[in-house]
Amino acid sequence: MDLPPYCLFLDLETTGTDEGRDPIIEIGCILTRTTPAFPELASCSFVVTNYAPWLRPQMSGEVLVMHASNGLLAELDAGAGVSIHEAERLVLDMVNRHAGDERVILAGSGVGHFDRRFLRAQMPGLDARLVWYVLDIGVVRRLARLAGVRAGWAGDAKPHRALADTRLHLAEARELAALIGGHEALEVATDGRTV
């Protein structure tokens, strides 16, 4: 099976870890090709007005401190942002403009077990544009560390702002692909097929 020609590197900021209760409050995306070095085609980022001040007591202390210190809660309190539906529409417009009808690979760190759940629950139109599997850079990073490979991982010091974190994950993907021997070397043989 050939890889789709596009990756959507994505990061979400939320008020917690429960996709059914905790809203997405920021999304950052970078659309790339899946050719070596993941060349960037377009990017976008939106603060999402999916948040109400009454949610603050439901946020864990760690999440509250993180979003207060990175300025995201201040932006939301000041009324910055777009609705969740508008954010989804704008991201889809970007993907459609560059990828046409092609489905894309969701990429980033933790996207398989965190971000994808939130997309399914809160941005189902965007989720429908994605292939079933993900390119989870965090998994590849941990595998490389288990194998004794260590580099200056770009994803080590995240500011927890969606587009900034997405840029770090993309830089890390490029670094890991170079360590592996190039993006085309990421093919894995399974039952005589290429995945």
N, C-alpha and C. Protein backbone atom coordinates (compact mmCIF):
# COMPACT_ATOMS: atom_id res chain seq x y z
N MET A 1 0.84 -1.17 0.00
CA MET A 1 0.00 0.00 0.00
C MET A 1 0.89 1.24 0.00
N ASP A 2 0.62 2.17 -0.88
CA ASP A 2 1.37 3.41 -0.92
C ASP A 2 0.90 4.34 0.19
N LEU A 3 1.84 5.11 0.74
CA LEU A 3 1.47 6.12 1.73
C LEU A 3 0.71 7.25 1.05
N PRO A 4 -0.30 7.80 1.72
CA PRO A 4 -0.93 9.01 1.18
C PRO A 4 0.13 10.10 1.03
N PRO A 5 -0.05 11.02 0.08
CA PRO A 5 0.99 12.01 -0.18
C PRO A 5 1.07 13.15 0.83
N TYR A 6 0.16 13.21 1.80
CA TYR A 6 0.13 14.34 2.73
C TYR A 6 0.05 13.89 4.19
N CYS A 7 0.71 14.67 5.06
CA CYS A 7 0.59 14.51 6.51
C CYS A 7 0.02 15.80 7.09
N LEU A 8 -0.83 15.66 8.08
CA LEU A 8 -1.31 16.81 8.83
C LEU A 8 -0.72 16.71 10.23
N PHE A 9 0.38 17.45 10.46
CA PHE A 9 0.94 17.53 11.80
C PHE A 9 0.01 18.42 12.61
N LEU A 10 -0.38 17.93 13.78
CA LEU A 10 -1.43 18.60 14.54
C LEU A 10 -1.15 18.51 16.02
N ASP A 11 -1.52 19.57 16.73
CA ASP A 11 -1.49 19.54 18.18
C ASP A 11 -2.74 20.26 18.69
N LEU A 12 -3.34 19.70 19.73
CA LEU A 12 -4.50 20.31 20.38
C LEU A 12 -4.13 20.68 21.80
N GLU A 13 -4.67 21.79 22.26
CA GLU A 13 -4.66 22.12 23.68
C GLU A 13 -6.10 22.00 24.16
N THR A 14 -6.27 21.40 25.31
CA THR A 14 -7.60 21.15 25.86
C THR A 14 -7.61 21.53 27.34
N THR A 15 -8.79 21.45 27.96
CA THR A 15 -8.88 21.75 29.39
C THR A 15 -8.67 20.50 30.24
N GLY A 16 -8.44 19.35 29.62
CA GLY A 16 -8.25 18.11 30.36
C GLY A 16 -8.07 16.95 29.41
N THR A 17 -8.28 15.74 29.91
CA THR A 17 -8.01 14.53 29.13
C THR A 17 -9.27 13.76 28.72
N ASP A 18 -10.44 14.27 29.05
CA ASP A 18 -11.70 13.59 28.74
C ASP A 18 -12.36 14.27 27.55
N GLU A 19 -12.29 13.60 26.39
CA GLU A 19 -12.82 14.19 25.16
C GLU A 19 -14.31 14.44 25.20
N GLY A 20 -15.04 13.77 26.09
CA GLY A 20 -16.48 13.97 26.21
C GLY A 20 -16.85 15.13 27.10
N ARG A 21 -15.90 15.60 27.90
CA ARG A 21 -16.19 16.67 28.85
C ARG A 21 -15.30 17.90 28.67
N ASP A 22 -14.05 17.68 28.30
CA ASP A 22 -13.07 18.77 28.24
C ASP A 22 -12.95 19.31 26.82
N PRO A 23 -13.20 20.60 26.63
CA PRO A 23 -13.18 21.15 25.27
C PRO A 23 -11.78 21.39 24.72
N ILE A 24 -11.68 21.32 23.39
CA ILE A 24 -10.50 21.79 22.67
C ILE A 24 -10.49 23.31 22.81
N ILE A 25 -9.35 23.87 23.20
CA ILE A 25 -9.27 25.33 23.32
C ILE A 25 -8.22 25.94 22.39
N GLU A 26 -7.45 25.09 21.69
CA GLU A 26 -6.53 25.60 20.68
C GLU A 26 -6.15 24.46 19.76
N ILE A 27 -6.00 24.79 18.47
CA ILE A 27 -5.56 23.81 17.48
C ILE A 27 -4.48 24.45 16.63
N GLY A 28 -3.42 23.68 16.36
CA GLY A 28 -2.36 24.11 15.46
C GLY A 28 -2.08 23.00 14.47
N CYS A 29 -1.95 23.34 13.19
CA CYS A 29 -1.77 22.33 12.14
C CYS A 29 -0.72 22.80 11.14
N ILE A 30 0.04 21.84 10.65
CA ILE A 30 0.96 22.07 9.53
C ILE A 30 0.74 20.93 8.53
N LEU A 31 0.34 21.26 7.33
CA LEU A 31 0.17 20.27 6.26
C LEU A 31 1.49 20.14 5.53
N THR A 32 1.96 18.89 5.38
CA THR A 32 3.22 18.62 4.69
C THR A 32 3.00 17.54 3.64
N ARG A 33 3.99 17.37 2.80
CA ARG A 33 4.05 16.19 1.95
C ARG A 33 4.69 15.07 2.76
N THR A 34 4.48 13.82 2.34
CA THR A 34 5.09 12.69 3.03
C THR A 34 6.40 12.29 2.37
N THR A 35 6.95 13.16 1.55
CA THR A 35 8.25 12.91 0.94
C THR A 35 9.33 13.23 1.97
N PRO A 36 10.59 12.86 1.71
CA PRO A 36 11.64 13.11 2.69
C PRO A 36 11.66 14.56 3.16
N ALA A 37 11.88 14.74 4.43
CA ALA A 37 11.99 16.04 5.10
C ALA A 37 10.63 16.72 5.31
N PHE A 38 9.54 16.07 4.97
CA PHE A 38 8.20 16.61 5.23
C PHE A 38 8.09 18.09 4.85
N PRO A 39 8.22 18.44 3.57
CA PRO A 39 8.14 19.86 3.20
C PRO A 39 6.77 20.45 3.55
N GLU A 40 6.81 21.63 4.14
CA GLU A 40 5.58 22.31 4.59
C GLU A 40 4.85 22.95 3.43
N LEU A 41 3.53 22.73 3.38
CA LEU A 41 2.68 23.33 2.37
C LEU A 41 1.86 24.50 2.92
N ALA A 42 1.38 24.35 4.14
CA ALA A 42 0.54 25.39 4.74
C ALA A 42 0.44 25.13 6.24
N SER A 43 0.07 26.18 6.98
CA SER A 43 -0.13 26.01 8.42
C SER A 43 -1.24 26.94 8.89
N CYS A 44 -1.81 26.60 10.03
CA CYS A 44 -2.83 27.46 10.63
C CYS A 44 -2.91 27.15 12.12
N SER A 45 -3.43 28.11 12.87
CA SER A 45 -3.60 27.94 14.30
C SER A 45 -4.76 28.81 14.75
N PHE A 46 -5.57 28.25 15.65
CA PHE A 46 -6.73 28.99 16.15
C PHE A 46 -6.93 28.74 17.63
N VAL A 47 -7.12 29.82 18.38
CA VAL A 47 -7.66 29.70 19.72
C VAL A 47 -9.14 29.42 19.52
N VAL A 48 -9.68 28.47 20.29
CA VAL A 48 -11.06 28.01 20.09
C VAL A 48 -11.91 28.44 21.29
N THR A 49 -12.96 29.18 21.01
CA THR A 49 -13.83 29.71 22.07
C THR A 49 -14.81 28.65 22.54
N ASN A 50 -14.29 27.47 22.75
CA ASN A 50 -15.05 26.31 23.20
C ASN A 50 -15.06 26.27 24.73
N TYR A 51 -14.48 27.30 25.31
CA TYR A 51 -14.18 27.33 26.74
C TYR A 51 -15.06 28.37 27.43
N ALA A 52 -15.50 28.07 28.62
CA ALA A 52 -16.23 29.03 29.43
C ALA A 52 -15.56 29.11 30.79
N PRO A 53 -15.52 30.30 31.41
CA PRO A 53 -14.83 30.43 32.70
C PRO A 53 -15.32 29.45 33.76
N TRP A 54 -16.57 29.01 33.68
CA TRP A 54 -17.06 28.06 34.70
C TRP A 54 -16.38 26.70 34.61
N LEU A 55 -15.65 26.44 33.51
CA LEU A 55 -14.90 25.19 33.39
C LEU A 55 -13.62 25.19 34.21
N ARG A 56 -13.17 26.37 34.59
CA ARG A 56 -11.89 26.48 35.30
C ARG A 56 -11.80 25.58 36.53
N PRO A 57 -12.83 25.53 37.40
CA PRO A 57 -12.73 24.65 38.57
C PRO A 57 -12.62 23.16 38.22
N GLN A 58 -13.05 22.78 37.00
CA GLN A 58 -12.96 21.38 36.59
C GLN A 58 -11.56 21.00 36.09
N MET A 59 -10.74 22.01 35.79
CA MET A 59 -9.40 21.75 35.26
C MET A 59 -8.47 21.30 36.38
N SER A 60 -7.63 20.32 36.09
CA SER A 60 -6.65 19.89 37.09
C SER A 60 -5.68 21.04 37.34
N GLY A 61 -5.04 21.02 38.50
CA GLY A 61 -4.10 22.07 38.83
C GLY A 61 -2.98 22.21 37.82
N GLU A 62 -2.49 21.07 37.33
CA GLU A 62 -1.40 21.09 36.36
C GLU A 62 -1.82 21.76 35.06
N VAL A 63 -3.01 21.43 34.56
CA VAL A 63 -3.50 22.01 33.31
C VAL A 63 -3.78 23.50 33.49
N LEU A 64 -4.37 23.85 34.61
CA LEU A 64 -4.68 25.26 34.90
C LEU A 64 -3.40 26.09 34.94
N VAL A 65 -2.38 25.61 35.64
CA VAL A 65 -1.11 26.34 35.72
C VAL A 65 -0.47 26.44 34.34
N MET A 66 -0.49 25.34 33.57
CA MET A 66 0.12 25.33 32.24
C MET A 66 -0.51 26.37 31.33
N HIS A 67 -1.86 26.39 31.26
CA HIS A 67 -2.52 27.31 30.34
C HIS A 67 -2.55 28.74 30.87
N ALA A 68 -2.43 28.92 32.17
CA ALA A 68 -2.30 30.27 32.71
C ALA A 68 -0.91 30.82 32.40
N SER A 69 0.13 29.99 32.56
CA SER A 69 1.49 30.47 32.35
C SER A 69 1.83 30.67 30.87
N ASN A 70 1.20 29.91 29.98
CA ASN A 70 1.51 30.08 28.55
C ASN A 70 0.63 31.14 27.88
N GLY A 71 -0.28 31.75 28.64
CA GLY A 71 -1.08 32.86 28.11
C GLY A 71 -2.38 32.46 27.44
N LEU A 72 -2.64 31.16 27.30
CA LEU A 72 -3.84 30.72 26.58
C LEU A 72 -5.12 31.10 27.32
N LEU A 73 -5.16 30.93 28.63
CA LEU A 73 -6.37 31.29 29.38
C LEU A 73 -6.63 32.78 29.32
N ALA A 74 -5.58 33.60 29.34
CA ALA A 74 -5.75 35.05 29.24
C ALA A 74 -6.37 35.42 27.90
N GLU A 75 -5.93 34.77 26.82
CA GLU A 75 -6.51 35.04 25.50
C GLU A 75 -7.99 34.66 25.46
N LEU A 76 -8.30 33.50 26.04
CA LEU A 76 -9.70 33.07 26.08
C LEU A 76 -10.55 34.01 26.93
N ASP A 77 -10.03 34.42 28.08
CA ASP A 77 -10.76 35.34 28.95
C ASP A 77 -11.00 36.68 28.26
N ALA A 78 -10.09 37.08 27.37
CA ALA A 78 -10.22 38.34 26.64
C ALA A 78 -11.14 38.22 25.43
N GLY A 79 -11.65 37.02 25.18
CA GLY A 79 -12.58 36.82 24.06
C GLY A 79 -11.93 36.49 22.74
N ALA A 80 -10.65 36.12 22.75
CA ALA A 80 -9.97 35.77 21.51
C ALA A 80 -10.49 34.44 20.98
N GLY A 81 -10.37 34.25 19.68
CA GLY A 81 -10.64 32.94 19.10
C GLY A 81 -11.86 32.86 18.22
N VAL A 82 -12.06 31.65 17.72
CA VAL A 82 -13.18 31.32 16.84
C VAL A 82 -13.92 30.12 17.44
N SER A 83 -15.12 29.86 16.96
CA SER A 83 -15.88 28.72 17.44
C SER A 83 -15.21 27.42 17.00
N ILE A 84 -15.57 26.34 17.66
CA ILE A 84 -15.03 25.02 17.29
C ILE A 84 -15.41 24.67 15.85
N HIS A 85 -16.61 25.03 15.42
CA HIS A 85 -17.06 24.73 14.06
C HIS A 85 -16.30 25.55 13.03
N GLU A 86 -16.03 26.82 13.36
CA GLU A 86 -15.26 27.67 12.45
C GLU A 86 -13.82 27.19 12.37
N ALA A 87 -13.23 26.81 13.49
CA ALA A 87 -11.85 26.29 13.47
C ALA A 87 -11.77 25.04 12.60
N GLU A 88 -12.73 24.14 12.76
CA GLU A 88 -12.74 22.92 11.95
C GLU A 88 -12.88 23.25 10.47
N ARG A 89 -13.78 24.18 10.15
CA ARG A 89 -14.00 24.57 8.74
C ARG A 89 -12.72 25.16 8.14
N LEU A 90 -12.03 26.03 8.90
CA LEU A 90 -10.82 26.68 8.39
C LEU A 90 -9.68 25.68 8.19
N VAL A 91 -9.55 24.71 9.09
CA VAL A 91 -8.53 23.67 8.91
C VAL A 91 -8.87 22.83 7.69
N LEU A 92 -10.13 22.44 7.55
CA LEU A 92 -10.55 21.66 6.37
C LEU A 92 -10.34 22.44 5.08
N ASP A 93 -10.61 23.74 5.09
CA ASP A 93 -10.36 24.56 3.90
C ASP A 93 -8.89 24.50 3.50
N MET A 94 -7.99 24.59 4.48
CA MET A 94 -6.55 24.52 4.20
C MET A 94 -6.20 23.15 3.60
N VAL A 95 -6.70 22.07 4.22
CA VAL A 95 -6.41 20.73 3.73
C VAL A 95 -6.97 20.54 2.33
N ASN A 96 -8.21 20.94 2.11
CA ASN A 96 -8.84 20.79 0.79
C ASN A 96 -8.10 21.57 -0.29
N ARG A 97 -7.64 22.77 0.05
CA ARG A 97 -6.95 23.62 -0.92
C ARG A 97 -5.67 22.95 -1.43
N HIS A 98 -4.99 22.22 -0.57
CA HIS A 98 -3.70 21.63 -0.96
C HIS A 98 -3.78 20.14 -1.28
N ALA A 99 -4.66 19.41 -0.61
CA ALA A 99 -4.70 17.96 -0.77
C ALA A 99 -5.87 17.49 -1.62
N GLY A 100 -6.75 18.40 -2.03
CA GLY A 100 -7.91 17.98 -2.82
C GLY A 100 -8.74 16.98 -2.05
N ASP A 101 -9.08 15.88 -2.69
CA ASP A 101 -9.89 14.84 -2.06
C ASP A 101 -9.07 13.79 -1.32
N GLU A 102 -7.74 13.89 -1.38
CA GLU A 102 -6.87 12.90 -0.74
C GLU A 102 -7.09 12.90 0.77
N ARG A 103 -7.15 11.71 1.36
CA ARG A 103 -7.13 11.62 2.82
C ARG A 103 -5.69 11.81 3.27
N VAL A 104 -5.50 12.27 4.49
CA VAL A 104 -4.17 12.60 4.97
C VAL A 104 -3.83 11.81 6.23
N ILE A 105 -2.55 11.70 6.51
CA ILE A 105 -2.07 11.02 7.71
C ILE A 105 -2.00 12.02 8.85
N LEU A 106 -2.61 11.71 9.97
CA LEU A 106 -2.48 12.54 11.16
C LEU A 106 -1.11 12.26 11.77
N ALA A 107 -0.36 13.34 12.03
CA ALA A 107 1.00 13.19 12.55
C ALA A 107 1.21 14.14 13.72
N GLY A 108 2.16 13.77 14.58
CA GLY A 108 2.49 14.58 15.74
C GLY A 108 2.90 13.68 16.88
N SER A 109 2.96 14.23 18.07
CA SER A 109 3.34 13.44 19.24
C SER A 109 2.10 13.19 20.10
N GLY A 110 1.82 11.92 20.35
CA GLY A 110 0.64 11.56 21.13
C GLY A 110 -0.66 11.61 20.37
N VAL A 111 -0.59 11.79 19.06
CA VAL A 111 -1.82 11.97 18.27
C VAL A 111 -2.69 10.73 18.22
N GLY A 112 -2.09 9.56 18.38
CA GLY A 112 -2.87 8.33 18.31
C GLY A 112 -3.74 8.09 19.53
N HIS A 113 -3.23 8.44 20.70
CA HIS A 113 -4.00 8.15 21.92
C HIS A 113 -4.63 9.39 22.55
N PHE A 114 -4.31 10.59 22.09
CA PHE A 114 -4.90 11.79 22.69
C PHE A 114 -5.66 12.61 21.65
N ASP A 115 -4.94 13.25 20.75
CA ASP A 115 -5.55 14.20 19.81
C ASP A 115 -6.63 13.55 18.96
N ARG A 116 -6.42 12.32 18.51
CA ARG A 116 -7.39 11.66 17.63
C ARG A 116 -8.73 11.46 18.35
N ARG A 117 -8.70 11.13 19.65
CA ARG A 117 -9.94 10.98 20.42
C ARG A 117 -10.73 12.29 20.45
N PHE A 118 -10.03 13.40 20.64
CA PHE A 118 -10.70 14.71 20.68
C PHE A 118 -11.23 15.09 19.31
N LEU A 119 -10.50 14.78 18.25
CA LEU A 119 -11.00 15.08 16.90
C LEU A 119 -12.28 14.28 16.62
N ARG A 120 -12.28 13.01 16.96
CA ARG A 120 -13.47 12.19 16.73
C ARG A 120 -14.69 12.76 17.45
N ALA A 121 -14.48 13.21 18.68
CA ALA A 121 -15.59 13.69 19.50
C ALA A 121 -16.01 15.11 19.16
N GLN A 122 -15.05 15.99 18.83
CA GLN A 122 -15.37 17.41 18.72
C GLN A 122 -15.17 18.01 17.34
N MET A 123 -14.42 17.34 16.46
CA MET A 123 -14.21 17.81 15.09
C MET A 123 -14.35 16.62 14.14
N PRO A 124 -15.54 16.01 14.07
CA PRO A 124 -15.69 14.78 13.29
C PRO A 124 -15.48 14.97 11.79
N GLY A 125 -15.73 16.16 11.28
CA GLY A 125 -15.49 16.41 9.85
C GLY A 125 -14.02 16.33 9.52
N LEU A 126 -13.19 16.89 10.38
CA LEU A 126 -11.74 16.81 10.18
C LEU A 126 -11.27 15.37 10.37
N ASP A 127 -11.79 14.70 11.38
CA ASP A 127 -11.42 13.31 11.61
C ASP A 127 -11.71 12.44 10.38
N ALA A 128 -12.79 12.72 9.69
CA ALA A 128 -13.18 11.93 8.51
C ALA A 128 -12.20 12.08 7.35
N ARG A 129 -11.40 13.15 7.33
CA ARG A 129 -10.42 13.36 6.26
C ARG A 129 -9.13 12.58 6.48
N LEU A 130 -9.01 11.93 7.66
CA LEU A 130 -7.76 11.28 8.03
C LEU A 130 -7.80 9.78 7.75
N VAL A 131 -6.66 9.22 7.35
CA VAL A 131 -6.56 7.77 7.22
C VAL A 131 -6.65 7.15 8.61
N TRP A 132 -6.85 5.85 8.69
CA TRP A 132 -7.10 5.19 9.97
C TRP A 132 -5.88 5.15 10.89
N TYR A 133 -4.66 5.15 10.32
CA TYR A 133 -3.46 5.07 11.13
C TYR A 133 -2.85 6.46 11.30
N VAL A 134 -1.92 6.57 12.26
CA VAL A 134 -1.28 7.84 12.54
C VAL A 134 0.24 7.69 12.46
N LEU A 135 0.93 8.81 12.34
CA LEU A 135 2.38 8.86 12.44
C LEU A 135 2.67 9.54 13.78
N ASP A 136 2.86 8.72 14.82
CA ASP A 136 3.04 9.24 16.17
C ASP A 136 4.54 9.36 16.46
N ILE A 137 5.02 10.58 16.42
CA ILE A 137 6.45 10.86 16.60
C ILE A 137 6.90 10.48 18.01
N GLY A 138 6.02 10.60 18.99
CA GLY A 138 6.37 10.24 20.36
C GLY A 138 6.72 8.76 20.47
N VAL A 139 6.01 7.91 19.75
CA VAL A 139 6.29 6.47 19.77
C VAL A 139 7.65 6.20 19.14
N VAL A 140 7.94 6.85 18.02
CA VAL A 140 9.23 6.66 17.35
C VAL A 140 10.35 7.18 18.24
N ARG A 141 10.13 8.31 18.91
CA ARG A 141 11.14 8.86 19.83
C ARG A 141 11.47 7.86 20.94
N ARG A 142 10.43 7.27 21.55
CA ARG A 142 10.66 6.33 22.63
C ARG A 142 11.36 5.06 22.14
N LEU A 143 11.00 4.61 20.94
CA LEU A 143 11.69 3.45 20.36
C LEU A 143 13.16 3.76 20.13
N ALA A 144 13.45 4.94 19.61
CA ALA A 144 14.84 5.33 19.38
C ALA A 144 15.61 5.38 20.70
N ARG A 145 14.99 5.90 21.73
CA ARG A 145 15.67 5.95 23.04
C ARG A 145 15.91 4.55 23.59
N LEU A 146 14.93 3.64 23.43
CA LEU A 146 15.12 2.26 23.86
C LEU A 146 16.28 1.60 23.13
N ALA A 147 16.48 1.99 21.87
CA ALA A 147 17.57 1.44 21.07
C ALA A 147 18.90 2.13 21.35
N GLY A 148 18.90 3.09 22.27
CA GLY A 148 20.13 3.79 22.63
C GLY A 148 20.48 4.95 21.74
N VAL A 149 19.56 5.35 20.88
CA VAL A 149 19.80 6.49 19.99
C VAL A 149 19.35 7.75 20.71
N ARG A 150 20.21 8.72 20.79
CA ARG A 150 19.86 9.98 21.46
C ARG A 150 20.31 11.13 20.59
N ALA A 151 19.44 12.08 20.41
CA ALA A 151 19.78 13.29 19.65
C ALA A 151 19.16 14.47 20.37
N GLY A 152 19.31 15.64 19.84
CA GLY A 152 18.73 16.84 20.45
C GLY A 152 17.27 16.94 20.09
N TRP A 153 16.44 16.04 20.63
CA TRP A 153 15.04 15.98 20.23
C TRP A 153 14.37 17.33 20.32
N ALA A 154 13.76 17.73 19.25
CA ALA A 154 13.09 19.03 19.19
C ALA A 154 11.89 19.08 20.11
N GLY A 155 11.30 17.93 20.43
CA GLY A 155 10.07 17.92 21.21
C GLY A 155 10.26 17.91 22.71
N ASP A 156 11.47 18.06 23.19
CA ASP A 156 11.73 17.94 24.62
C ASP A 156 11.20 19.10 25.46
N ALA A 157 11.14 20.30 24.95
CA ALA A 157 10.74 21.47 25.75
C ALA A 157 9.58 22.18 25.07
N LYS A 158 8.38 21.69 25.29
CA LYS A 158 7.21 22.24 24.61
C LYS A 158 6.60 23.39 25.43
N PRO A 159 6.17 24.46 24.74
CA PRO A 159 5.49 25.56 25.42
C PRO A 159 4.00 25.29 25.65
N HIS A 160 3.47 24.20 25.14
CA HIS A 160 2.05 23.86 25.24
C HIS A 160 1.17 24.93 24.62
N ARG A 161 1.61 25.45 23.48
CA ARG A 161 0.78 26.24 22.58
C ARG A 161 0.74 25.44 21.28
N ALA A 162 -0.43 25.33 20.69
CA ALA A 162 -0.66 24.33 19.65
C ALA A 162 0.28 24.43 18.46
N LEU A 163 0.42 25.61 17.85
CA LEU A 163 1.26 25.68 16.66
C LEU A 163 2.74 25.55 17.01
N ALA A 164 3.16 26.13 18.12
CA ALA A 164 4.57 26.00 18.53
C ALA A 164 4.91 24.53 18.78
N ASP A 165 4.03 23.81 19.46
CA ASP A 165 4.26 22.38 19.71
C ASP A 165 4.26 21.59 18.40
N THR A 166 3.36 21.95 17.49
CA THR A 166 3.31 21.27 16.19
C THR A 166 4.62 21.46 15.44
N ARG A 167 5.16 22.67 15.48
CA ARG A 167 6.45 22.92 14.81
C ARG A 167 7.57 22.08 15.44
N LEU A 168 7.55 21.94 16.76
CA LEU A 168 8.54 21.09 17.42
C LEU A 168 8.40 19.63 17.01
N HIS A 169 7.15 19.15 16.91
CA HIS A 169 6.92 17.75 16.50
C HIS A 169 7.38 17.53 15.06
N LEU A 170 7.13 18.50 14.19
CA LEU A 170 7.57 18.38 12.80
C LEU A 170 9.10 18.36 12.74
N ALA A 171 9.76 19.24 13.48
CA ALA A 171 11.23 19.24 13.50
C ALA A 171 11.76 17.90 14.01
N GLU A 172 11.10 17.36 15.02
CA GLU A 172 11.51 16.07 15.57
C GLU A 172 11.30 14.95 14.54
N ALA A 173 10.20 14.99 13.80
CA ALA A 173 9.96 13.98 12.75
C ALA A 173 11.05 14.04 11.70
N ARG A 174 11.45 15.24 11.32
CA ARG A 174 12.53 15.38 10.34
C ARG A 174 13.84 14.81 10.88
N GLU A 175 14.13 15.08 12.13
CA GLU A 175 15.35 14.59 12.75
C GLU A 175 15.33 13.06 12.84
N LEU A 176 14.22 12.51 13.27
CA LEU A 176 14.10 11.05 13.39
C LEU A 176 14.19 10.38 12.02
N ALA A 177 13.54 10.96 11.02
CA ALA A 177 13.60 10.39 9.67
C ALA A 177 15.04 10.38 9.15
N ALA A 178 15.78 11.45 9.44
CA ALA A 178 17.18 11.50 9.01
C ALA A 178 18.00 10.44 9.74
N LEU A 179 17.73 10.23 11.03
CA LEU A 179 18.45 9.20 11.79
C LEU A 179 18.15 7.80 11.27
N ILE A 180 16.91 7.58 10.88
CA ILE A 180 16.51 6.26 10.38
C ILE A 180 17.12 6.00 9.01
N GLY A 181 17.41 7.05 8.29
CA GLY A 181 18.04 6.88 6.98
C GLY A 181 17.21 7.46 5.87
N GLY A 182 16.31 8.37 6.21
CA GLY A 182 15.47 8.98 5.19
C GLY A 182 14.05 8.50 5.33
N HIS A 183 13.12 9.35 4.97
CA HIS A 183 11.69 9.07 5.12
C HIS A 183 11.26 7.81 4.37
N GLU A 184 11.86 7.56 3.20
CA GLU A 184 11.45 6.40 2.42
C GLU A 184 11.82 5.09 3.12
N ALA A 185 12.76 5.15 4.09
CA ALA A 185 13.14 3.94 4.82
C ALA A 185 12.13 3.58 5.89
N LEU A 186 11.05 4.36 6.05
CA LEU A 186 10.06 4.09 7.08
C LEU A 186 9.09 2.98 6.68
N GLU A 187 9.22 2.45 5.46
CA GLU A 187 8.33 1.37 5.05
C GLU A 187 8.62 0.13 5.87
N VAL A 188 7.55 -0.56 6.25
CA VAL A 188 7.68 -1.76 7.08
C VAL A 188 7.03 -2.91 6.33
N ALA A 189 7.74 -4.01 6.17
CA ALA A 189 7.18 -5.17 5.47
C ALA A 189 6.26 -5.93 6.42
N THR A 190 5.05 -6.23 5.96
CA THR A 190 4.10 -7.00 6.74
C THR A 190 3.40 -7.96 5.81
N ASP A 191 3.61 -9.27 6.04
CA ASP A 191 2.98 -10.30 5.21
C ASP A 191 3.21 -10.04 3.72
N GLY A 192 4.41 -9.63 3.37
CA GLY A 192 4.72 -9.41 1.96
C GLY A 192 4.18 -8.10 1.41
N ARG A 193 3.48 -7.33 2.23
CA ARG A 193 2.95 -6.05 1.79
C ARG A 193 3.79 -4.93 2.39
N THR A 194 3.71 -3.75 1.82
CA THR A 194 4.36 -2.57 2.38
C THR A 194 3.28 -1.70 3.00
N VAL A 195 3.49 -1.30 4.25
CA VAL A 195 2.51 -0.48 4.96
C VAL A 195 3.01 0.94 5.03
